[in-house]
Amino acid sequence: MVRSLDLPLRNLFFESAESNAPLLIVMHGLGDRMESFRDFPDLLLGDRIHTLLLNAPDPYVVGTKWYDLDGRQEPGLKNSRRLLEEIAERLRSDNEDMPHVPKNRIVLSGFSQGAVVSLYTALRAQSEFAGVGALSGYFFGSTDEISDAGRRTPVFMAHGLFDPVLPFETSKDHAFMLQSAGVTLSFHEYPIDHSLCLEEMQAFKSFLETLFFN
């Protein structure tokens, strides 16, 4: 069943029929919208888990954005983090329309800007998310800002070798930096540009299966 939840961001909620199902949050990239990721449930764990697609809060030339560029990223990132923490609180609430999923059963994931927001939020959180899926993104800020809960949060990070938008070497360097800071992180590379591929989705699916069902 697909519906919208009463949350501070426009959304699509793909509901699992399983009791106590975990939840995957998916966030799009710059200038896009959540509808581009409607196939994620079918590519990943289907109705074994809940999937929540979120739309970014701010308008862009085309589509929407999670934060500004050109040295003005942090205000938007902070606002997106605040919204995600509020959403996590609502998702576990007793409201009958909510799925009642605790924060430690929620994976934050996204592509491009959505990946950056996922890492920014989960690695600074004071209580743990279940994991992070950062697809074609990077880590914004200093590793000094990573919380103890963030270091305990498993991270799946993937990037295209031929990405002309966010250079592969930047993402790879950031992955090594996070590992050196004590973050539990696996890094995956694929012969693609600034996009996704089936092999990448299969690897992310395995990451989610290990988190939730092994």
Protein backbone atom coordinates (compact mmCIF):
# COMPACT_ATOMS: atom_id res chain seq x y z
CA MET A 1 0.00 0.00 0.00
CA VAL A 2 1.30 3.46 -0.93
CA ARG A 3 0.16 6.58 0.91
CA SER A 4 1.42 9.86 2.35
CA LEU A 5 2.17 10.41 6.03
CA ASP A 6 1.57 13.56 8.08
CA LEU A 7 5.20 14.73 8.09
CA PRO A 8 6.96 18.09 7.61
CA LEU A 9 8.09 17.05 4.10
CA ARG A 10 6.08 15.85 1.13
CA ASN A 11 6.43 12.08 0.99
CA LEU A 12 5.39 8.71 -0.37
CA PHE A 13 5.16 5.82 2.11
CA PHE A 14 5.36 2.24 0.81
CA GLU A 15 3.95 0.26 3.70
CA SER A 16 5.07 -3.23 4.65
CA ALA A 17 2.52 -5.83 5.71
CA GLU A 18 5.06 -7.27 8.14
CA SER A 19 4.71 -6.50 11.82
CA ASN A 20 7.72 -4.71 13.33
CA ALA A 21 9.15 -4.02 9.86
CA PRO A 22 12.19 -1.71 9.66
CA LEU A 23 12.12 1.42 7.50
CA LEU A 24 14.27 2.87 4.73
CA ILE A 25 14.21 6.63 4.10
CA VAL A 26 15.22 7.64 0.56
CA MET A 27 16.23 11.19 -0.45
CA HIS A 28 16.78 12.43 -4.00
CA GLY A 29 19.47 14.68 -5.46
CA LEU A 30 19.65 18.33 -6.48
CA GLY A 31 16.92 19.46 -8.87
CA ASP A 32 15.04 16.18 -8.62
CA ARG A 33 11.96 14.99 -6.73
CA MET A 34 10.98 11.90 -4.79
CA GLU A 35 8.92 10.38 -7.63
CA SER A 36 12.16 9.51 -9.45
CA PHE A 37 12.81 6.84 -6.82
CA ARG A 38 9.47 5.01 -6.89
CA ASP A 39 11.25 1.87 -8.09
CA PHE A 40 13.49 1.63 -5.01
CA PRO A 41 11.21 -0.78 -3.09
CA ASP A 42 11.20 -3.21 -6.04
CA LEU A 43 14.97 -2.93 -6.49
CA LEU A 44 15.67 -3.47 -2.78
CA LEU A 45 13.66 -5.42 -0.18
CA GLY A 46 10.14 -4.86 -1.48
CA ASP A 47 7.42 -5.10 1.14
CA ARG A 48 9.69 -6.82 3.65
CA ILE A 49 10.42 -3.29 4.90
CA HIS A 50 8.70 0.10 4.89
CA THR A 51 10.13 2.59 2.38
CA LEU A 52 9.63 6.34 2.79
CA LEU A 53 10.50 8.65 -0.11
CA LEU A 54 11.04 12.26 0.95
CA ASN A 55 10.91 15.42 -1.13
CA ALA A 56 13.49 18.13 -0.39
CA PRO A 57 12.13 21.25 1.34
CA ASP A 58 13.37 24.05 -0.93
CA PRO A 59 12.54 24.88 -4.56
CA TYR A 60 15.29 24.82 -7.17
CA VAL A 61 15.36 25.92 -10.82
CA VAL A 62 13.91 22.51 -11.63
CA GLY A 63 12.70 20.25 -8.84
CA THR A 64 13.87 20.82 -5.26
CA LYS A 65 17.04 20.93 -3.16
CA TRP A 66 18.19 19.94 0.32
CA TYR A 67 20.80 22.73 0.62
CA ASP A 68 22.51 25.50 -1.34
CA LEU A 69 25.84 25.17 -3.12
CA ASP A 70 28.97 27.32 -3.43
CA GLY A 71 29.99 27.58 0.21
CA ARG A 72 26.47 28.03 1.56
CA GLN A 73 25.72 24.38 2.25
CA GLU A 74 25.58 24.32 6.04
CA PRO A 75 22.34 26.25 6.78
CA GLY A 76 20.39 23.95 4.48
CA LEU A 77 22.11 20.85 5.82
CA LYS A 78 21.30 21.86 9.40
CA ASN A 79 17.67 22.45 8.47
CA SER A 80 17.46 19.11 6.65
CA ARG A 81 18.99 17.37 9.66
CA ARG A 82 16.43 19.02 11.96
CA LEU A 83 13.60 17.88 9.70
CA LEU A 84 14.91 14.30 9.59
CA GLU A 85 15.22 14.12 13.37
CA GLU A 86 11.64 15.39 13.65
CA ILE A 87 10.47 12.83 11.11
CA ALA A 88 12.23 10.03 13.02
CA GLU A 89 10.40 11.11 16.18
CA ARG A 90 7.04 11.12 14.41
CA LEU A 91 7.61 7.73 12.80
CA ARG A 92 7.92 6.06 16.20
CA SER A 93 4.98 7.93 17.74
CA ASP A 94 1.74 6.32 18.94
CA ASN A 95 -0.29 8.11 16.26
CA GLU A 96 -2.35 5.41 14.55
CA ASP A 97 -1.34 6.65 11.08
CA MET A 98 2.38 6.17 11.79
CA PRO A 99 4.30 2.90 11.35
CA HIS A 100 5.71 2.97 14.94
CA VAL A 101 9.32 2.32 13.88
CA PRO A 102 12.03 3.25 16.40
CA LYS A 103 15.00 5.31 15.24
CA ASN A 104 17.41 2.39 15.54
CA ARG A 105 15.34 0.54 12.92
CA ILE A 106 15.52 3.39 10.37
CA VAL A 107 18.15 3.59 7.61
CA LEU A 108 18.83 7.00 6.08
CA SER A 109 19.74 6.83 2.41
CA GLY A 110 19.95 9.04 -0.62
CA PHE A 111 21.53 9.88 -3.94
CA SER A 112 23.88 12.86 -4.44
CA GLN A 113 22.54 15.66 -2.16
CA GLY A 114 20.37 13.02 -0.48
CA ALA A 115 23.51 11.01 0.30
CA VAL A 116 25.21 14.07 1.80
CA VAL A 117 22.18 14.79 4.00
CA SER A 118 22.09 11.14 5.13
CA LEU A 119 25.72 11.19 6.24
CA TYR A 120 25.45 14.67 7.75
CA THR A 121 22.46 13.66 9.88
CA ALA A 122 23.26 10.10 10.95
CA LEU A 123 26.92 10.67 11.85
CA ARG A 124 26.04 13.61 14.12
CA ALA A 125 22.98 12.00 15.74
CA GLN A 126 22.91 11.61 19.51
CA SER A 127 21.07 8.29 19.23
CA GLU A 128 21.69 5.73 16.53
CA PHE A 129 20.01 5.25 13.21
CA ALA A 130 20.16 1.66 11.92
CA GLY A 131 22.45 2.60 9.06
CA VAL A 132 23.25 4.88 6.14
CA GLY A 133 23.17 4.35 2.39
CA ALA A 134 25.19 7.13 0.71
CA LEU A 135 25.00 6.78 -3.07
CA SER A 136 27.20 9.21 -5.03
CA GLY A 137 27.74 11.59 -2.12
CA TYR A 138 30.39 12.88 0.26
CA PHE A 139 30.83 13.86 3.92
CA PHE A 140 30.36 17.54 4.71
CA GLY A 141 32.20 19.06 7.68
CA SER A 142 34.76 17.87 10.20
CA THR A 143 35.11 14.37 11.61
CA ASP A 144 35.34 16.07 15.02
CA GLU A 145 31.57 16.52 14.75
CA ILE A 146 30.92 12.77 14.51
CA SER A 147 29.08 11.50 17.58
CA ASP A 148 29.63 8.21 19.41
CA ALA A 149 26.29 7.05 18.01
CA GLY A 150 27.47 8.04 14.54
CA ARG A 151 30.59 5.90 14.84
CA ARG A 152 28.40 2.91 15.73
CA THR A 153 26.17 3.42 12.68
CA PRO A 154 27.02 1.14 9.71
CA VAL A 155 27.53 3.05 6.44
CA PHE A 156 27.23 1.79 2.86
CA MET A 157 28.94 4.28 0.56
CA ALA A 158 29.08 3.90 -3.24
CA HIS A 159 30.30 6.05 -6.12
CA GLY A 160 30.77 5.99 -9.88
CA LEU A 161 34.33 5.96 -11.19
CA PHE A 162 33.44 8.41 -13.96
CA ASP A 163 31.26 10.84 -12.02
CA PRO A 164 31.60 14.34 -13.59
CA VAL A 165 29.46 16.02 -10.91
CA LEU A 166 30.99 14.79 -7.64
CA PRO A 167 34.50 13.45 -8.33
CA PHE A 168 35.10 9.81 -7.44
CA GLU A 169 38.38 10.57 -5.65
CA THR A 170 36.63 13.04 -3.33
CA SER A 171 34.13 10.41 -2.25
CA LYS A 172 36.83 7.76 -1.87
CA ASP A 173 39.00 10.11 0.21
CA HIS A 174 36.04 10.97 2.44
CA ALA A 175 35.26 7.29 2.93
CA PHE A 176 38.84 6.65 4.07
CA MET A 177 38.65 9.72 6.33
CA LEU A 178 35.47 8.40 7.97
CA GLN A 179 36.96 4.93 8.42
CA SER A 180 40.02 6.51 10.04
CA ALA A 181 37.68 8.38 12.41
CA GLY A 182 36.18 5.09 13.58
CA VAL A 183 33.07 4.92 11.40
CA THR A 184 32.00 1.42 10.34
CA LEU A 185 31.94 1.93 6.57
CA SER A 186 32.12 -0.14 3.40
CA PHE A 187 33.02 1.65 0.16
CA HIS A 188 31.95 0.40 -3.27
CA GLU A 189 32.97 1.67 -6.71
CA TYR A 190 31.24 1.13 -10.06
CA PRO A 191 32.12 1.94 -13.71
CA ILE A 192 29.35 4.54 -14.08
CA ASP A 193 28.91 8.32 -14.09
CA HIS A 194 26.68 10.34 -11.70
CA SER A 195 24.01 7.67 -11.67
CA LEU A 196 23.00 4.33 -10.18
CA CYS A 197 23.43 0.81 -11.55
CA LEU A 198 21.87 -2.58 -10.87
CA GLU A 199 25.06 -4.02 -9.35
CA GLU A 200 25.17 -1.12 -6.89
CA MET A 201 21.53 -1.64 -5.92
CA GLN A 202 22.13 -5.35 -5.39
CA ALA A 203 25.05 -4.55 -3.07
CA PHE A 204 22.92 -2.04 -1.15
CA LYS A 205 20.15 -4.65 -0.90
CA SER A 206 22.65 -7.09 0.65
CA PHE A 207 23.72 -4.39 3.12
CA LEU A 208 20.09 -3.89 4.18
CA GLU A 209 19.46 -7.63 4.46
CA THR A 210 22.48 -8.01 6.72
CA LEU A 211 21.34 -5.11 8.90
CA PHE A 212 17.77 -6.25 9.33
CA PHE A 213 17.51 -9.98 8.73
CA ASN A 214 20.85 -11.64 9.63
